[in-house]
Amino acid sequence: MVIERAKRNKVTITLSSSIDSYGLQRLIDYVKYLEATAKSKAKQAEVDQLADEVNASWWTKNKRRFIK
């Protein structure tokens, strides 16, 4: 693995092609999450509440697909 700091605040990571693609995708998703939320001022409690609301709404709309 090679990590290089490039111009314009960029980092280049070079990996062997033998690396597990599933694990690599999870790592990339996590890094995208960190980048997307870096400037967020939301508190964890607010995020948790929003997630609960979204999950409840989804379940209300979709439970008939799972429970017959």
Protein backbone atom coordinates (compact mmCIF):
# COMPACT_ATOMS: atom_id res chain seq x y z
CA MET A 1 0.00 0.00 0.00
CA VAL A 2 1.22 3.46 -0.92
CA ILE A 3 -0.29 6.66 0.46
CA GLU A 4 0.62 9.95 -1.20
CA ARG A 5 -0.46 13.50 -0.50
CA ALA A 6 -1.23 15.14 -3.83
CA LYS A 7 -1.88 18.74 -4.73
CA ARG A 8 -5.11 20.53 -3.77
CA ASN A 9 -5.63 18.69 -0.48
CA LYS A 10 -5.99 15.26 -2.11
CA VAL A 11 -4.68 11.90 -0.93
CA THR A 12 -3.94 9.02 -3.30
CA ILE A 13 -3.97 5.46 -1.95
CA THR A 14 -2.63 2.65 -4.13
CA LEU A 15 -3.58 -0.89 -3.10
CA SER A 16 -2.80 -4.36 -4.30
CA SER A 17 -5.50 -5.85 -6.53
CA SER A 18 -5.65 -8.85 -4.20
CA ILE A 19 -7.41 -6.84 -1.50
CA ASP A 20 -10.92 -7.99 -0.51
CA SER A 21 -13.32 -5.88 -2.59
CA TYR A 22 -16.19 -6.13 -0.07
CA GLY A 23 -14.04 -4.85 2.78
CA LEU A 24 -12.59 -2.15 0.56
CA GLN A 25 -16.08 -0.98 -0.44
CA ARG A 26 -17.09 -0.76 3.22
CA LEU A 27 -13.98 1.31 3.93
CA ILE A 28 -14.72 3.62 0.98
CA ASP A 29 -18.32 4.04 2.14
CA TYR A 30 -17.08 4.99 5.62
CA VAL A 31 -14.62 7.52 4.22
CA LYS A 32 -17.41 9.03 2.08
CA TYR A 33 -19.56 9.28 5.23
CA LEU A 34 -16.75 11.06 7.09
CA GLU A 35 -16.27 13.45 4.20
CA ALA A 36 -20.00 14.16 3.89
CA THR A 37 -20.47 14.80 7.61
CA ALA A 38 -17.22 16.63 8.33
CA LYS A 39 -18.86 20.05 8.59
CA SER A 40 -22.11 18.91 10.16
CA LYS A 41 -23.17 20.53 13.39
CA ALA A 42 -25.86 17.95 14.08
CA LYS A 43 -25.68 16.20 17.42
CA GLN A 44 -25.76 12.41 17.60
CA ALA A 45 -29.10 12.49 19.44
CA GLU A 46 -30.63 14.48 16.56
CA VAL A 47 -29.25 12.04 14.01
CA ASP A 48 -30.58 9.10 16.00
CA GLN A 49 -34.04 10.69 16.25
CA LEU A 50 -34.14 11.33 12.49
CA ALA A 51 -33.06 7.75 11.80
CA ASP A 52 -35.82 6.44 14.08
CA GLU A 53 -38.40 8.58 12.28
CA VAL A 54 -37.24 7.41 8.85
CA ASN A 55 -37.23 3.76 9.93
CA ALA A 56 -40.71 4.02 11.45
CA SER A 57 -42.06 5.68 8.33
CA TRP A 58 -40.47 3.06 6.08
CA TRP A 59 -41.87 0.23 8.21
CA THR A 60 -45.37 1.72 8.15
CA LYS A 61 -45.26 1.88 4.36
CA ASN A 62 -43.68 -1.53 3.80
CA LYS A 63 -44.75 -3.89 6.61
CA ARG A 64 -47.50 -5.42 4.47
CA ARG A 65 -44.77 -6.79 2.20
CA PHE A 66 -43.30 -8.76 5.11
CA ILE A 67 -46.29 -9.62 7.29
CA LYS A 68 -49.24 -11.34 5.65
